[in-house]
């Protein structure tokens, strides 16, 4: 989903730029009123970029698009099911983790970090039925544990589904399943809108700083 959105943005930007350059080379300057309409296709191209990255969540437009804005870093508490096949020495929870979500109108990508591993979404979707007030995020992910833990926690795949309410949700619930025959519930709380935390430790430090304020 992220690659498709990136292709759309890149294609629209390149096409709009080349078209604008061609008009200028031909001497059709926008300062002359009679040539203004010739620039409409270029404006549409740039408009696609602006809409995808920013305008879709501007007040007024956001209500029309109806898609919740979930960009940011979320504190996530995992509660594994008692039936989960957790190996000896594994964490049976509850487990505090941090999920960073990067979102545009046409793309969604999530990264979940724990003390022991990092999970990155390989396919993510967001569905917001019209006038329902709720939305569901679903994604598949690949989990890569730190080398020191791979003897009991090998790389694996999983799936997650999250339910939230409102256009700017600050809390959500969900559940997950993994190819290691583990499953559980998830509780989300929005930490902030930053997507710049590169490690679990950085996100946790920001969380603690926020709690101290």
C-alpha atoms as a PDB file:
ATOM      1  CA  UNK A   1       0.000   0.000   0.000  1.00  0.00           C
ATOM      2  CA  UNK A   2       2.853   2.369   0.839  1.00  0.00           C
ATOM      3  CA  UNK A   3       4.580   1.668  -2.505  1.00  0.00           C
ATOM      4  CA  UNK A   4       1.393   2.324  -4.495  1.00  0.00           C
ATOM      5  CA  UNK A   5       0.835   5.648  -2.733  1.00  0.00           C
ATOM      6  CA  UNK A   6       4.469   6.632  -3.237  1.00  0.00           C
ATOM      7  CA  UNK A   7       4.185   5.809  -6.942  1.00  0.00           C
ATOM      8  CA  UNK A   8       1.047   7.955  -7.260  1.00  0.00           C
ATOM      9  CA  UNK A   9       2.680  10.916  -5.510  1.00  0.00           C
ATOM     10  CA  UNK A  10       5.921  10.625  -7.448  1.00  0.00           C
ATOM     11  CA  UNK A  11       4.171  10.197 -10.787  1.00  0.00           C
ATOM     12  CA  UNK A  12       1.867  13.165 -10.202  1.00  0.00           C
ATOM     13  CA  UNK A  13       4.753  15.396  -9.110  1.00  0.00           C
ATOM     14  CA  UNK A  14       6.993  14.459 -12.045  1.00  0.00           C
ATOM     15  CA  UNK A  15       4.189  14.834 -14.587  1.00  0.00           C
ATOM     16  CA  UNK A  16       3.139  18.214 -13.182  1.00  0.00           C
ATOM     17  CA  UNK A  17       6.728  19.482 -13.136  1.00  0.00           C
ATOM     18  CA  UNK A  18       7.509  18.346 -16.694  1.00  0.00           C
ATOM     19  CA  UNK A  19       4.259  19.868 -17.930  1.00  0.00           C
ATOM     20  CA  UNK A  20       5.038  23.175 -16.206  1.00  0.00           C
ATOM     21  CA  UNK A  21       8.556  23.256 -17.655  1.00  0.00           C
ATOM     22  CA  UNK A  22       7.193  22.564 -21.125  1.00  0.00           C
ATOM     23  CA  UNK A  23       4.766  25.470 -20.831  1.00  0.00           C
ATOM     24  CA  UNK A  24       7.535  27.826 -19.734  1.00  0.00           C
ATOM     25  CA  UNK A  25       9.802  26.684 -22.564  1.00  0.00           C
ATOM     26  CA  UNK A  26       6.995  27.433 -25.007  1.00  0.00           C
ATOM     27  CA  UNK A  27       6.697  30.907 -23.514  1.00  0.00           C
ATOM     28  CA  UNK A  28       3.283  30.364 -21.938  1.00  0.00           C
ATOM     29  CA  UNK A  29       3.873  32.260 -18.701  1.00  0.00           C
ATOM     30  CA  UNK A  30       1.253  32.137 -15.914  1.00  0.00           C
ATOM     31  CA  UNK A  31       1.629  35.891 -15.419  1.00  0.00           C
ATOM     32  CA  UNK A  32      -0.413  36.326 -18.605  1.00  0.00           C
ATOM     33  CA  UNK A  33      -4.090  35.775 -17.896  1.00  0.00           C
ATOM     34  CA  UNK A  34      -4.818  34.079 -21.211  1.00  0.00           C
ATOM     35  CA  UNK A  35      -2.398  31.271 -20.311  1.00  0.00           C
ATOM     36  CA  UNK A  36      -3.583  30.624 -16.770  1.00  0.00           C
ATOM     37  CA  UNK A  37      -5.937  27.803 -17.780  1.00  0.00           C
ATOM     38  CA  UNK A  38      -3.049  25.952 -19.405  1.00  0.00           C
ATOM     39  CA  UNK A  39      -1.595  25.423 -15.927  1.00  0.00           C
ATOM     40  CA  UNK A  40      -4.661  23.654 -14.539  1.00  0.00           C
ATOM     41  CA  UNK A  41      -3.286  20.130 -15.258  1.00  0.00           C
ATOM     42  CA  UNK A  42      -0.082  21.023 -13.393  1.00  0.00           C
ATOM     43  CA  UNK A  43      -2.066  22.333 -10.435  1.00  0.00           C
ATOM     44  CA  UNK A  44      -4.076  19.110 -10.374  1.00  0.00           C
ATOM     45  CA  UNK A  45      -0.836  17.094 -10.268  1.00  0.00           C
ATOM     46  CA  UNK A  46       0.534  19.065  -7.349  1.00  0.00           C
ATOM     47  CA  UNK A  47      -2.910  18.962  -5.749  1.00  0.00           C
ATOM     48  CA  UNK A  48      -2.763  15.153  -5.656  1.00  0.00           C
ATOM     49  CA  UNK A  49       0.459  15.382  -3.644  1.00  0.00           C
ATOM     50  CA  UNK A  50      -0.909  18.000  -1.238  1.00  0.00           C
ATOM     51  CA  UNK A  51      -4.156  16.105  -0.737  1.00  0.00           C
ATOM     52  CA  UNK A  52      -2.482  12.760  -0.072  1.00  0.00           C
ATOM     53  CA  UNK A  53      -0.004  14.091   2.475  1.00  0.00           C
ATOM     54  CA  UNK A  54      -1.873  16.917   4.205  1.00  0.00           C
ATOM     55  CA  UNK A  55      -5.158  18.282   2.860  1.00  0.00           C
ATOM     56  CA  UNK A  56      -7.262  15.154   3.448  1.00  0.00           C
ATOM     57  CA  UNK A  57      -7.121  15.769   7.219  1.00  0.00           C
ATOM     58  CA  UNK A  58      -7.646  19.545   7.197  1.00  0.00           C
ATOM     59  CA  UNK A  59     -10.787  20.736   9.035  1.00  0.00           C
ATOM     60  CA  UNK A  60     -13.814  20.495   6.771  1.00  0.00           C
ATOM     61  CA  UNK A  61     -12.091  18.248   4.251  1.00  0.00           C
ATOM     62  CA  UNK A  62     -11.430  15.691   6.995  1.00  0.00           C
ATOM     63  CA  UNK A  63     -15.131  15.288   7.681  1.00  0.00           C
ATOM     64  CA  UNK A  64     -15.695  14.704   3.984  1.00  0.00           C
ATOM     65  CA  UNK A  65     -12.972  12.069   3.634  1.00  0.00           C
ATOM     66  CA  UNK A  66     -14.113  10.335   6.833  1.00  0.00           C
ATOM     67  CA  UNK A  67     -10.790   8.584   7.408  1.00  0.00           C
ATOM     68  CA  UNK A  68      -9.326   8.737  10.945  1.00  0.00           C
ATOM     69  CA  UNK A  69      -5.945  10.388  11.433  1.00  0.00           C
ATOM     70  CA  UNK A  70      -3.776   7.850  13.256  1.00  0.00           C
ATOM     71  CA  UNK A  71      -0.276   9.137  12.502  1.00  0.00           C
ATOM     72  CA  UNK A  72       1.968   9.125  15.560  1.00  0.00           C
ATOM     73  CA  UNK A  73       3.445   6.926  18.246  1.00  0.00           C
ATOM     74  CA  UNK A  74       1.111   4.838  20.360  1.00  0.00           C
ATOM     75  CA  UNK A  75       1.708   3.079  23.653  1.00  0.00           C
ATOM     76  CA  UNK A  76       0.396  -0.457  23.205  1.00  0.00           C
ATOM     77  CA  UNK A  77      -0.229  -2.943  25.996  1.00  0.00           C
ATOM     78  CA  UNK A  78      -0.221  -6.550  24.811  1.00  0.00           C
ATOM     79  CA  UNK A  79      -2.046  -9.179  26.841  1.00  0.00           C
ATOM     80  CA  UNK A  80      -1.267 -12.663  25.503  1.00  0.00           C
ATOM     81  CA  UNK A  81      -4.001 -15.266  25.664  1.00  0.00           C
ATOM     82  CA  UNK A  82      -3.450 -17.986  28.299  1.00  0.00           C
ATOM     83  CA  UNK A  83      -3.549 -20.505  25.424  1.00  0.00           C
ATOM     84  CA  UNK A  84      -0.626 -18.874  23.602  1.00  0.00           C
ATOM     85  CA  UNK A  85       2.360 -21.141  22.957  1.00  0.00           C
ATOM     86  CA  UNK A  86       4.919 -18.947  24.695  1.00  0.00           C
ATOM     87  CA  UNK A  87       8.333 -20.654  25.077  1.00  0.00           C
ATOM     88  CA  UNK A  88      10.106 -21.065  28.396  1.00  0.00           C
ATOM     89  CA  UNK A  89      11.458 -17.717  29.534  1.00  0.00           C
ATOM     90  CA  UNK A  90       9.082 -15.780  27.312  1.00  0.00           C
ATOM     91  CA  UNK A  91       7.070 -12.792  28.513  1.00  0.00           C
ATOM     92  CA  UNK A  92       3.484 -13.722  29.362  1.00  0.00           C
ATOM     93  CA  UNK A  93       2.462 -10.105  29.819  1.00  0.00           C
ATOM     94  CA  UNK A  94       1.099  -7.649  30.074  1.00  0.00           C
ATOM     95  CA  UNK A  95       3.775  -6.262  27.729  1.00  0.00           C
ATOM     96  CA  UNK A  96       4.317  -2.544  27.096  1.00  0.00           C
ATOM     97  CA  UNK A  97       5.248  -1.779  23.486  1.00  0.00           C
ATOM     98  CA  UNK A  98       5.230   1.258  21.174  1.00  0.00           C
ATOM     99  CA  UNK A  99       3.735   1.413  17.700  1.00  0.00           C
ATOM    100  CA  UNK A 100       4.634   4.141  15.217  1.00  0.00           C
ATOM    101  CA  UNK A 101       2.118   4.679  12.429  1.00  0.00           C
ATOM    102  CA  UNK A 102       2.963   6.646   9.284  1.00  0.00           C
ATOM    103  CA  UNK A 103      -0.113   7.611   7.295  1.00  0.00           C
ATOM    104  CA  UNK A 104      -1.179   9.504   4.202  1.00  0.00           C
ATOM    105  CA  UNK A 105      -4.595   9.312   2.559  1.00  0.00           C
ATOM    106  CA  UNK A 106      -3.525   6.411   0.347  1.00  0.00           C
ATOM    107  CA  UNK A 107      -0.922   4.735   2.532  1.00  0.00           C
ATOM    108  CA  UNK A 108      -0.414   3.282   5.978  1.00  0.00           C
ATOM    109  CA  UNK A 109       2.638   1.722   7.592  1.00  0.00           C
ATOM    110  CA  UNK A 110       3.121   0.532  11.170  1.00  0.00           C
ATOM    111  CA  UNK A 111       6.206  -0.379  13.194  1.00  0.00           C
ATOM    112  CA  UNK A 112       5.809  -2.041  16.600  1.00  0.00           C
ATOM    113  CA  UNK A 113       8.795  -2.087  18.951  1.00  0.00           C
ATOM    114  CA  UNK A 114       9.264  -4.108  22.140  1.00  0.00           C
ATOM    115  CA  UNK A 115      12.339  -4.573  24.292  1.00  0.00           C
ATOM    116  CA  UNK A 116      13.113  -7.762  22.382  1.00  0.00           C
ATOM    117  CA  UNK A 117      11.983  -7.277  18.777  1.00  0.00           C
ATOM    118  CA  UNK A 118      10.662  -5.067  15.984  1.00  0.00           C
ATOM    119  CA  UNK A 119       7.604  -5.768  13.829  1.00  0.00           C
ATOM    120  CA  UNK A 120       6.993  -3.972  10.526  1.00  0.00           C
ATOM    121  CA  UNK A 121       3.772  -4.093   8.548  1.00  0.00           C
ATOM    122  CA  UNK A 122       3.988  -5.706   5.124  1.00  0.00           C
ATOM    123  CA  UNK A 123       0.414  -4.929   4.146  1.00  0.00           C
ATOM    124  CA  UNK A 124      -1.848  -2.433   5.894  1.00  0.00           C
ATOM    125  CA  UNK A 125      -5.393  -1.250   5.234  1.00  0.00           C
ATOM    126  CA  UNK A 126      -7.811   1.093   6.940  1.00  0.00           C
ATOM    127  CA  UNK A 127     -11.562   0.755   6.453  1.00  0.00           C
ATOM    128  CA  UNK A 128     -13.952   3.462   7.606  1.00  0.00           C
ATOM    129  CA  UNK A 129     -17.587   2.662   6.675  1.00  0.00           C
ATOM    130  CA  UNK A 130     -19.510   5.806   5.759  1.00  0.00           C
ATOM    131  CA  UNK A 131     -21.291   7.494   8.710  1.00  0.00           C
ATOM    132  CA  UNK A 132     -20.347   4.674  11.086  1.00  0.00           C
ATOM    133  CA  UNK A 133     -17.993   6.750  13.256  1.00  0.00           C
ATOM    134  CA  UNK A 134     -15.677   3.761  13.616  1.00  0.00           C
ATOM    135  CA  UNK A 135     -12.797   2.394  11.597  1.00  0.00           C
ATOM    136  CA  UNK A 136     -10.751  -0.768  11.448  1.00  0.00           C
ATOM    137  CA  UNK A 137      -7.050  -1.044  10.704  1.00  0.00           C
ATOM    138  CA  UNK A 138      -5.714  -4.401   9.639  1.00  0.00           C
ATOM    139  CA  UNK A 139      -2.179  -5.350   8.780  1.00  0.00           C
ATOM    140  CA  UNK A 140       0.143  -8.255   8.266  1.00  0.00           C
ATOM    141  CA  UNK A 141       3.597  -7.932   9.787  1.00  0.00           C
ATOM    142  CA  UNK A 142       7.038  -9.504   9.935  1.00  0.00           C
ATOM    143  CA  UNK A 143       8.676  -9.733  13.364  1.00  0.00           C
ATOM    144  CA  UNK A 144      12.449  -9.732  13.798  1.00  0.00           C
ATOM    145  CA  UNK A 145      13.715 -10.400  17.340  1.00  0.00           C
ATOM    146  CA  UNK A 146      17.076  -9.184  18.560  1.00  0.00           C
ATOM    147  CA  UNK A 147      19.775 -11.788  17.969  1.00  0.00           C
ATOM    148  CA  UNK A 148      20.140 -12.479  21.696  1.00  0.00           C
ATOM    149  CA  UNK A 149      16.529 -13.680  21.850  1.00  0.00           C
ATOM    150  CA  UNK A 150      16.287 -15.649  18.611  1.00  0.00           C
ATOM    151  CA  UNK A 151      17.185 -18.971  20.252  1.00  0.00           C
ATOM    152  CA  UNK A 152      13.721 -19.011  21.867  1.00  0.00           C
ATOM    153  CA  UNK A 153      11.909 -16.438  19.729  1.00  0.00           C
ATOM    154  CA  UNK A 154      12.592 -16.929  15.990  1.00  0.00           C
ATOM    155  CA  UNK A 155      11.461 -14.598  13.238  1.00  0.00           C
ATOM    156  CA  UNK A 156       7.781 -14.969  12.489  1.00  0.00           C
ATOM    157  CA  UNK A 157       4.745 -13.434  10.814  1.00  0.00           C
ATOM    158  CA  UNK A 158       1.508 -12.197  12.285  1.00  0.00           C
ATOM    159  CA  UNK A 159      -1.685 -10.272  11.760  1.00  0.00           C
ATOM    160  CA  UNK A 160      -3.350  -7.505  13.724  1.00  0.00           C
ATOM    161  CA  UNK A 161      -6.745  -5.822  13.667  1.00  0.00           C
ATOM    162  CA  UNK A 162      -7.441  -2.533  15.475  1.00  0.00           C
ATOM    163  CA  UNK A 163     -10.793  -0.824  16.097  1.00  0.00           C
ATOM    164  CA  UNK A 164     -11.092   2.908  16.800  1.00  0.00           C
ATOM    165  CA  UNK A 165     -13.726   5.644  16.949  1.00  0.00           C
ATOM    166  CA  UNK A 166     -13.694   9.239  15.687  1.00  0.00           C
ATOM    167  CA  UNK A 167     -11.654  11.208  13.163  1.00  0.00           C
ATOM    168  CA  UNK A 168      -8.831  11.896  15.632  1.00  0.00           C
ATOM    169  CA  UNK A 169      -8.802   8.888  17.960  1.00  0.00           C
ATOM    170  CA  UNK A 170      -6.507   8.857  20.980  1.00  0.00           C
ATOM    171  CA  UNK A 171      -7.325   5.337  22.148  1.00  0.00           C
ATOM    172  CA  UNK A 172      -8.140   2.030  20.484  1.00  0.00           C
ATOM    173  CA  UNK A 173      -8.389  -1.697  21.059  1.00  0.00           C
ATOM    174  CA  UNK A 174      -7.334  -4.646  18.965  1.00  0.00           C
ATOM    175  CA  UNK A 175      -6.115  -8.201  18.819  1.00  0.00           C
ATOM    176  CA  UNK A 176      -3.234 -10.055  17.196  1.00  0.00           C
ATOM    177  CA  UNK A 177      -2.285 -13.518  15.983  1.00  0.00           C
ATOM    178  CA  UNK A 178       1.132 -14.923  15.094  1.00  0.00           C
ATOM    179  CA  UNK A 179       2.531 -17.893  13.206  1.00  0.00           C
ATOM    180  CA  UNK A 180       4.058 -19.054  16.517  1.00  0.00           C
ATOM    181  CA  UNK A 181       0.531 -19.916  17.714  1.00  0.00           C
ATOM    182  CA  UNK A 182       0.271 -16.946  20.017  1.00  0.00           C
ATOM    183  CA  UNK A 183      -2.587 -14.471  20.188  1.00  0.00           C
ATOM    184  CA  UNK A 184      -3.816 -11.752  22.461  1.00  0.00           C
ATOM    185  CA  UNK A 185      -5.514  -8.413  23.040  1.00  0.00           C
ATOM    186  CA  UNK A 186      -4.086  -4.937  22.469  1.00  0.00           C
ATOM    187  CA  UNK A 187      -4.906  -1.613  24.151  1.00  0.00           C
ATOM    188  CA  UNK A 188      -3.704   1.582  22.456  1.00  0.00           C
ATOM    189  CA  UNK A 189      -3.104   5.074  23.853  1.00  0.00           C
ATOM    190  CA  UNK A 190      -1.776   7.874  21.635  1.00  0.00           C
ATOM    191  CA  UNK A 191       1.553   9.115  22.976  1.00  0.00           C
ATOM    192  CA  UNK A 192       2.129  11.945  20.478  1.00  0.00           C
ATOM    193  CA  UNK A 193       2.134  12.676  16.743  1.00  0.00           C
ATOM    194  CA  UNK A 194       5.850  12.095  16.287  1.00  0.00           C
ATOM    195  CA  UNK A 195       7.086   9.314  13.989  1.00  0.00           C
ATOM    196  CA  UNK A 196      10.767   9.953  14.680  1.00  0.00           C
ATOM    197  CA  UNK A 197      11.453   7.408  17.430  1.00  0.00           C
ATOM    198  CA  UNK A 198      13.839   4.796  16.075  1.00  0.00           C
ATOM    199  CA  UNK A 199      14.019   2.489  19.084  1.00  0.00           C
ATOM    200  CA  UNK A 200      11.914   1.181  21.930  1.00  0.00           C
ATOM    201  CA  UNK A 201      14.129   3.087  24.384  1.00  0.00           C
ATOM    202  CA  UNK A 202      13.526   6.427  22.635  1.00  0.00           C
ATOM    203  CA  UNK A 203       9.745   5.950  22.624  1.00  0.00           C
ATOM    204  CA  UNK A 204       9.746   4.873  26.267  1.00  0.00           C
ATOM    205  CA  UNK A 205      11.842   7.911  27.271  1.00  0.00           C
ATOM    206  CA  UNK A 206       9.350  10.198  25.540  1.00  0.00           C
ATOM    207  CA  UNK A 207       6.521   8.368  27.289  1.00  0.00           C
ATOM    208  CA  UNK A 208       8.159   8.847  30.691  1.00  0.00           C
ATOM    209  CA  UNK A 209       8.862  12.515  29.961  1.00  0.00           C
ATOM    210  CA  UNK A 210       5.220  13.024  29.066  1.00  0.00           C
ATOM    211  CA  UNK A 211       4.070  11.307  32.230  1.00  0.00           C
ATOM    212  CA  UNK A 212       6.356  13.541  34.287  1.00  0.00           C
ATOM    213  CA  UNK A 213       4.982  16.784  32.820  1.00  0.00           C
END
